Amino acid sequence: MKENQAEVLNFKQVQELLGVSSSYLYKCTSQGKIPCYRPTKGKLFFKKNEVIDWIESNSFSHSLISKLN
């Protein structure tokens, strides 16, 4: 992977990483609480580094953050 490219995760990957239900993750995305991208007006995608930043700013467990790295 190129240095300037962010790793992209799909919805299921982020759901598993966070350990949350799909309905909770959809709620977060629809309310703009977690950064995501919908390039084709269909599937949601996330930049891994932005998900980690979101976790850190929302007081999630540090053990989850270490799992992501």
PDB file of N, CA and C in Angstrom:
ATOM      1  N   MET A   1       0.832  -1.168   0.000  1.00  0.00           N
ATOM      2  CA  MET A   1       0.000   0.000   0.000  1.00  0.00           C
ATOM      3  C   MET A   1       0.881   1.238   0.000  1.00  0.00           C
ATOM      4  N   LYS A   2       0.500   2.242  -0.766  1.00  0.00           N
ATOM      5  CA  LYS A   2       1.273   3.471  -0.805  1.00  0.00           C
ATOM      6  C   LYS A   2       1.166   4.190   0.527  1.00  0.00           C
ATOM      7  N   GLU A   3       2.227   4.934   0.852  1.00  0.00           N
ATOM      8  CA  GLU A   3       2.297   5.612   2.129  1.00  0.00           C
ATOM      9  C   GLU A   3       1.173   6.621   2.320  1.00  0.00           C
ATOM     10  N   ASN A   4       0.757   7.312   1.271  1.00  0.00           N
ATOM     11  CA  ASN A   4      -0.255   8.351   1.403  1.00  0.00           C
ATOM     12  C   ASN A   4      -1.679   7.809   1.273  1.00  0.00           C
ATOM     13  N   GLN A   5      -1.837   6.508   1.057  1.00  0.00           N
ATOM     14  CA  GLN A   5      -3.168   5.919   0.961  1.00  0.00           C
ATOM     15  C   GLN A   5      -3.612   5.416   2.329  1.00  0.00           C
ATOM     16  N   ALA A   6      -4.844   5.749   2.675  1.00  0.00           N
ATOM     17  CA  ALA A   6      -5.397   5.252   3.928  1.00  0.00           C
ATOM     18  C   ALA A   6      -6.005   3.876   3.687  1.00  0.00           C
ATOM     19  N   GLU A   7      -5.897   3.015   4.685  1.00  0.00           N
ATOM     20  CA  GLU A   7      -6.528   1.709   4.581  1.00  0.00           C
ATOM     21  C   GLU A   7      -8.039   1.904   4.661  1.00  0.00           C
ATOM     22  N   VAL A   8      -8.755   1.308   3.735  1.00  0.00           N
ATOM     23  CA  VAL A   8     -10.206   1.455   3.672  1.00  0.00           C
ATOM     24  C   VAL A   8     -10.870   0.194   4.204  1.00  0.00           C
ATOM     25  N   LEU A   9     -11.864   0.395   5.062  1.00  0.00           N
ATOM     26  CA  LEU A   9     -12.605  -0.707   5.670  1.00  0.00           C
ATOM     27  C   LEU A   9     -14.064  -0.655   5.213  1.00  0.00           C
ATOM     28  N   ASN A  10     -14.688  -1.809   5.126  1.00  0.00           N
ATOM     29  CA  ASN A  10     -16.110  -1.827   4.799  1.00  0.00           C
ATOM     30  C   ASN A  10     -16.926  -1.801   6.093  1.00  0.00           C
ATOM     31  N   PHE A  11     -18.238  -1.751   5.938  1.00  0.00           N
ATOM     32  CA  PHE A  11     -19.144  -1.641   7.083  1.00  0.00           C
ATOM     33  C   PHE A  11     -18.958  -2.793   8.066  1.00  0.00           C
ATOM     34  N   LYS A  12     -18.940  -3.999   7.544  1.00  0.00           N
ATOM     35  CA  LYS A  12     -18.820  -5.195   8.393  1.00  0.00           C
ATOM     36  C   LYS A  12     -17.509  -5.181   9.187  1.00  0.00           C
ATOM     37  N   GLN A  13     -16.415  -4.772   8.538  1.00  0.00           N
ATOM     38  CA  GLN A  13     -15.121  -4.712   9.219  1.00  0.00           C
ATOM     39  C   GLN A  13     -15.148  -3.720  10.377  1.00  0.00           C
ATOM     40  N   VAL A  14     -15.757  -2.564  10.157  1.00  0.00           N
ATOM     41  CA  VAL A  14     -15.827  -1.556  11.219  1.00  0.00           C
ATOM     42  C   VAL A  14     -16.746  -2.039  12.336  1.00  0.00           C
ATOM     43  N   GLN A  15     -17.844  -2.670  11.977  1.00  0.00           N
ATOM     44  CA  GLN A  15     -18.763  -3.219  12.972  1.00  0.00           C
ATOM     45  C   GLN A  15     -18.038  -4.227  13.868  1.00  0.00           C
ATOM     46  N   GLU A  16     -17.278  -5.115  13.267  1.00  0.00           N
ATOM     47  CA  GLU A  16     -16.531  -6.117  14.037  1.00  0.00           C
ATOM     48  C   GLU A  16     -15.437  -5.466  14.880  1.00  0.00           C
ATOM     49  N   LEU A  17     -14.747  -4.476  14.323  1.00  0.00           N
ATOM     50  CA  LEU A  17     -13.689  -3.780  15.052  1.00  0.00           C
ATOM     51  C   LEU A  17     -14.232  -3.099  16.293  1.00  0.00           C
ATOM     52  N   LEU A  18     -15.377  -2.456  16.161  1.00  0.00           N
ATOM     53  CA  LEU A  18     -15.959  -1.719  17.272  1.00  0.00           C
ATOM     54  C   LEU A  18     -16.748  -2.611  18.223  1.00  0.00           C
ATOM     55  N   GLY A  19     -17.166  -3.768  17.726  1.00  0.00           N
ATOM     56  CA  GLY A  19     -17.975  -4.665  18.549  1.00  0.00           C
ATOM     57  C   GLY A  19     -19.365  -4.111  18.809  1.00  0.00           C
ATOM     58  N   VAL A  20     -19.940  -3.487  17.788  1.00  0.00           N
ATOM     59  CA  VAL A  20     -21.268  -2.889  17.916  1.00  0.00           C
ATOM     60  C   VAL A  20     -22.236  -3.549  16.946  1.00  0.00           C
ATOM     61  N   SER A  21     -23.513  -3.336  17.164  1.00  0.00           N
ATOM     62  CA  SER A  21     -24.528  -3.880  16.264  1.00  0.00           C
ATOM     63  C   SER A  21     -24.564  -3.063  14.972  1.00  0.00           C
ATOM     64  N   SER A  22     -25.095  -3.669  13.937  1.00  0.00           N
ATOM     65  CA  SER A  22     -25.203  -2.948  12.670  1.00  0.00           C
ATOM     66  C   SER A  22     -26.143  -1.754  12.812  1.00  0.00           C
ATOM     67  N   SER A  23     -27.213  -1.896  13.599  1.00  0.00           N
ATOM     68  CA  SER A  23     -28.144  -0.776  13.763  1.00  0.00           C
ATOM     69  C   SER A  23     -27.475   0.407  14.462  1.00  0.00           C
ATOM     70  N   TYR A  24     -26.607   0.125  15.444  1.00  0.00           N
ATOM     71  CA  TYR A  24     -25.892   1.206  16.125  1.00  0.00           C
ATOM     72  C   TYR A  24     -24.927   1.905  15.164  1.00  0.00           C
ATOM     73  N   LEU A  25     -24.211   1.123  14.376  1.00  0.00           N
ATOM     74  CA  LEU A  25     -23.258   1.721  13.444  1.00  0.00           C
ATOM     75  C   LEU A  25     -23.989   2.529  12.382  1.00  0.00           C
ATOM     76  N   TYR A  26     -25.105   2.021  11.869  1.00  0.00           N
ATOM     77  CA  TYR A  26     -25.901   2.791  10.904  1.00  0.00           C
ATOM     78  C   TYR A  26     -26.395   4.093  11.526  1.00  0.00           C
ATOM     79  N   LYS A  27     -26.809   4.028  12.773  1.00  0.00           N
ATOM     80  CA  LYS A  27     -27.271   5.230  13.470  1.00  0.00           C
ATOM     81  C   LYS A  27     -26.147   6.264  13.556  1.00  0.00           C
ATOM     82  N   CYS A  28     -24.953   5.806  13.916  1.00  0.00           N
ATOM     83  CA  CYS A  28     -23.799   6.713  14.004  1.00  0.00           C
ATOM     84  C   CYS A  28     -23.472   7.345  12.656  1.00  0.00           C
ATOM     85  N   THR A  29     -23.565   6.554  11.590  1.00  0.00           N
ATOM     86  CA  THR A  29     -23.251   7.100  10.259  1.00  0.00           C
ATOM     87  C   THR A  29     -24.331   8.065   9.794  1.00  0.00           C
ATOM     88  N   SER A  30     -25.590   7.730  10.033  1.00  0.00           N
ATOM     89  CA  SER A  30     -26.670   8.603   9.563  1.00  0.00           C
ATOM     90  C   SER A  30     -26.712   9.921  10.320  1.00  0.00           C
ATOM     91  N   GLN A  31     -26.240   9.908  11.565  1.00  0.00           N
ATOM     92  CA  GLN A  31     -26.200  11.131  12.365  1.00  0.00           C
ATOM     93  C   GLN A  31     -24.887  11.891  12.183  1.00  0.00           C
ATOM     94  N   GLY A  32     -23.992  11.355  11.354  1.00  0.00           N
ATOM     95  CA  GLY A  32     -22.716  12.018  11.101  1.00  0.00           C
ATOM     96  C   GLY A  32     -21.751  11.945  12.263  1.00  0.00           C
ATOM     97  N   LYS A  33     -21.953  10.977  13.160  1.00  0.00           N
ATOM     98  CA  LYS A  33     -21.081  10.856  14.332  1.00  0.00           C
ATOM     99  C   LYS A  33     -19.752  10.186  14.006  1.00  0.00           C
ATOM    100  N   ILE A  34     -19.746   9.303  13.024  1.00  0.00           N
ATOM    101  CA  ILE A  34     -18.520   8.613  12.631  1.00  0.00           C
ATOM    102  C   ILE A  34     -18.283   8.910  11.147  1.00  0.00           C
ATOM    103  N   PRO A  35     -17.060   9.277  10.786  1.00  0.00           N
ATOM    104  CA  PRO A  35     -16.797   9.605   9.383  1.00  0.00           C
ATOM    105  C   PRO A  35     -16.879   8.374   8.483  1.00  0.00           C
ATOM    106  N   CYS A  36     -17.596   8.523   7.378  1.00  0.00           N
ATOM    107  CA  CYS A  36     -17.725   7.425   6.424  1.00  0.00           C
ATOM    108  C   CYS A  36     -17.909   7.993   5.029  1.00  0.00           C
ATOM    109  N   TYR A  37     -17.810   7.136   4.058  1.00  0.00           N
ATOM    110  CA  TYR A  37     -17.893   7.520   2.646  1.00  0.00           C
ATOM    111  C   TYR A  37     -18.859   6.581   1.944  1.00  0.00           C
ATOM    112  N   ARG A  38     -19.637   7.131   1.044  1.00  0.00           N
ATOM    113  CA  ARG A  38     -20.597   6.352   0.279  1.00  0.00           C
ATOM    114  C   ARG A  38     -20.428   6.762  -1.194  1.00  0.00           C
ATOM    115  N   PRO A  39     -19.360   6.289  -1.834  1.00  0.00           N
ATOM    116  CA  PRO A  39     -19.038   6.749  -3.192  1.00  0.00           C
ATOM    117  C   PRO A  39     -20.072   6.369  -4.250  1.00  0.00           C
ATOM    118  N   THR A  40     -20.812   5.312  -4.021  1.00  0.00           N
ATOM    119  CA  THR A  40     -21.770   4.870  -5.038  1.00  0.00           C
ATOM    120  C   THR A  40     -23.214   4.961  -4.548  1.00  0.00           C
ATOM    121  N   LYS A  41     -23.450   5.722  -3.513  1.00  0.00           N
ATOM    122  CA  LYS A  41     -24.770   5.843  -2.890  1.00  0.00           C
ATOM    123  C   LYS A  41     -25.322   4.487  -2.474  1.00  0.00           C
ATOM    124  N   GLY A  42     -24.419   3.599  -2.141  1.00  0.00           N
ATOM    125  CA  GLY A  42     -24.799   2.264  -1.718  1.00  0.00           C
ATOM    126  C   GLY A  42     -24.019   1.875  -0.490  1.00  0.00           C
ATOM    127  N   LYS A  43     -22.949   1.155  -0.697  1.00  0.00           N
ATOM    128  CA  LYS A  43     -22.133   0.650   0.414  1.00  0.00           C
ATOM    129  C   LYS A  43     -21.381   1.774   1.114  1.00  0.00           C
ATOM    130  N   LEU A  44     -21.212   1.590   2.417  1.00  0.00           N
ATOM    131  CA  LEU A  44     -20.442   2.534   3.227  1.00  0.00           C
ATOM    132  C   LEU A  44     -19.007   2.043   3.347  1.00  0.00           C
ATOM    133  N   PHE A  45     -18.074   2.990   3.314  1.00  0.00           N
ATOM    134  CA  PHE A  45     -16.665   2.700   3.512  1.00  0.00           C
ATOM    135  C   PHE A  45     -16.103   3.666   4.534  1.00  0.00           C
ATOM    136  N   PHE A  46     -15.040   3.240   5.208  1.00  0.00           N
ATOM    137  CA  PHE A  46     -14.435   4.011   6.280  1.00  0.00           C
ATOM    138  C   PHE A  46     -12.921   3.996   6.113  1.00  0.00           C
ATOM    139  N   LYS A  47     -12.270   5.103   6.457  1.00  0.00           N
ATOM    140  CA  LYS A  47     -10.807   5.132   6.506  1.00  0.00           C
ATOM    141  C   LYS A  47     -10.409   4.694   7.911  1.00  0.00           C
ATOM    142  N   LYS A  48      -9.530   3.703   7.963  1.00  0.00           N
ATOM    143  CA  LYS A  48      -9.140   3.121   9.250  1.00  0.00           C
ATOM    144  C   LYS A  48      -8.604   4.178  10.206  1.00  0.00           C
ATOM    145  N   ASN A  49      -7.774   5.076   9.716  1.00  0.00           N
ATOM    146  CA  ASN A  49      -7.196   6.093  10.598  1.00  0.00           C
ATOM    147  C   ASN A  49      -8.275   7.025  11.153  1.00  0.00           C
ATOM    148  N   GLU A  50      -9.333   7.294  10.389  1.00  0.00           N
ATOM    149  CA  GLU A  50     -10.421   8.131  10.885  1.00  0.00           C
ATOM    150  C   GLU A  50     -11.268   7.393  11.922  1.00  0.00           C
ATOM    151  N   VAL A  51     -11.425   6.081  11.743  1.00  0.00           N
ATOM    152  CA  VAL A  51     -12.143   5.282  12.740  1.00  0.00           C
ATOM    153  C   VAL A  51     -11.367   5.280  14.056  1.00  0.00           C
ATOM    154  N   ILE A  52     -10.054   5.127  13.981  1.00  0.00           N
ATOM    155  CA  ILE A  52      -9.226   5.150  15.192  1.00  0.00           C
ATOM    156  C   ILE A  52      -9.324   6.513  15.873  1.00  0.00           C
ATOM    157  N   ASP A  53      -9.257   7.589  15.094  1.00  0.00           N
ATOM    158  CA  ASP A  53      -9.402   8.932  15.677  1.00  0.00           C
ATOM    159  C   ASP A  53     -10.765   9.092  16.351  1.00  0.00           C
ATOM    160  N   TRP A  54     -11.804   8.551  15.711  1.00  0.00           N
ATOM    161  CA  TRP A  54     -13.160   8.627  16.261  1.00  0.00           C
ATOM    162  C   TRP A  54     -13.235   7.869  17.583  1.00  0.00           C
ATOM    163  N   ILE A  55     -12.617   6.697  17.631  1.00  0.00           N
ATOM    164  CA  ILE A  55     -12.600   5.907  18.860  1.00  0.00           C
ATOM    165  C   ILE A  55     -11.920   6.700  19.974  1.00  0.00           C
ATOM    166  N   GLU A  56     -10.773   7.264  19.669  1.00  0.00           N
ATOM    167  CA  GLU A  56     -10.026   8.019  20.676  1.00  0.00           C
ATOM    168  C   GLU A  56     -10.810   9.219  21.188  1.00  0.00           C
ATOM    169  N   SER A  57     -11.546   9.877  20.316  1.00  0.00           N
ATOM    170  CA  SER A  57     -12.292  11.064  20.731  1.00  0.00           C
ATOM    171  C   SER A  57     -13.612  10.715  21.409  1.00  0.00           C
ATOM    172  N   ASN A  58     -13.997   9.449  21.388  1.00  0.00           N
ATOM    173  CA  ASN A  58     -15.260   9.033  21.997  1.00  0.00           C
ATOM    174  C   ASN A  58     -15.056   8.097  23.182  1.00  0.00           C
ATOM    175  N   SER A  59     -13.881   8.143  23.787  1.00  0.00           N
ATOM    176  CA  SER A  59     -13.586   7.413  25.022  1.00  0.00           C
ATOM    177  C   SER A  59     -13.803   5.905  24.944  1.00  0.00           C
ATOM    178  N   PHE A  60     -13.508   5.306  23.804  1.00  0.00           N
ATOM    179  CA  PHE A  60     -13.547   3.851  23.712  1.00  0.00           C
ATOM    180  C   PHE A  60     -12.303   3.291  24.400  1.00  0.00           C
ATOM    181  N   SER A  61     -12.337   2.046  24.701  1.00  0.00           N
ATOM    182  CA  SER A  61     -11.257   1.371  25.410  1.00  0.00           C
ATOM    183  C   SER A  61      -9.943   1.439  24.646  1.00  0.00           C
ATOM    184  N   HIS A  62      -8.850   1.663  25.367  1.00  0.00           N
ATOM    185  CA  HIS A  62      -7.522   1.664  24.753  1.00  0.00           C
ATOM    186  C   HIS A  62      -7.146   0.282  24.238  1.00  0.00           C
ATOM    187  N   SER A  63      -7.720  -0.767  24.819  1.00  0.00           N
ATOM    188  CA  SER A  63      -7.422  -2.108  24.324  1.00  0.00           C
ATOM    189  C   SER A  63      -7.974  -2.303  22.921  1.00  0.00           C
ATOM    190  N   LEU A  64      -9.085  -1.660  22.610  1.00  0.00           N
ATOM    191  CA  LEU A  64      -9.643  -1.724  21.260  1.00  0.00           C
ATOM    192  C   LEU A  64      -8.728  -0.993  20.289  1.00  0.00           C
ATOM    193  N   ILE A  65      -8.189   0.131  20.704  1.00  0.00           N
ATOM    194  CA  ILE A  65      -7.278   0.898  19.850  1.00  0.00           C
ATOM    195  C   ILE A  65      -6.025   0.077  19.558  1.00  0.00           C
ATOM    196  N   SER A  66      -5.481  -0.600  20.545  1.00  0.00           N
ATOM    197  CA  SER A  66      -4.286  -1.412  20.312  1.00  0.00           C
ATOM    198  C   SER A  66      -4.601  -2.578  19.392  1.00  0.00           C
ATOM    199  N   LYS A  67      -5.823  -3.088  19.430  1.00  0.00           N
ATOM    200  CA  LYS A  67      -6.254  -4.162  18.535  1.00  0.00           C
ATOM    201  C   LYS A  67      -6.261  -3.685  17.088  1.00  0.00           C
ATOM    202  N   LEU A  68      -6.543  -2.413  16.867  1.00  0.00           N
ATOM    203  CA  LEU A  68      -6.622  -1.857  15.518  1.00  0.00           C
ATOM    204  C   LEU A  68      -5.244  -1.646  14.897  1.00  0.00           C
ATOM    205  N   ASN A  69      -4.257  -1.443  15.720  1.00  0.00           N
ATOM    206  CA  ASN A  69      -2.913  -1.135  15.195  1.00  0.00           C
ATOM    207  C   ASN A  69      -2.142  -2.368  14.817  1.00  0.00           C
TER     208      ASN A  69
END
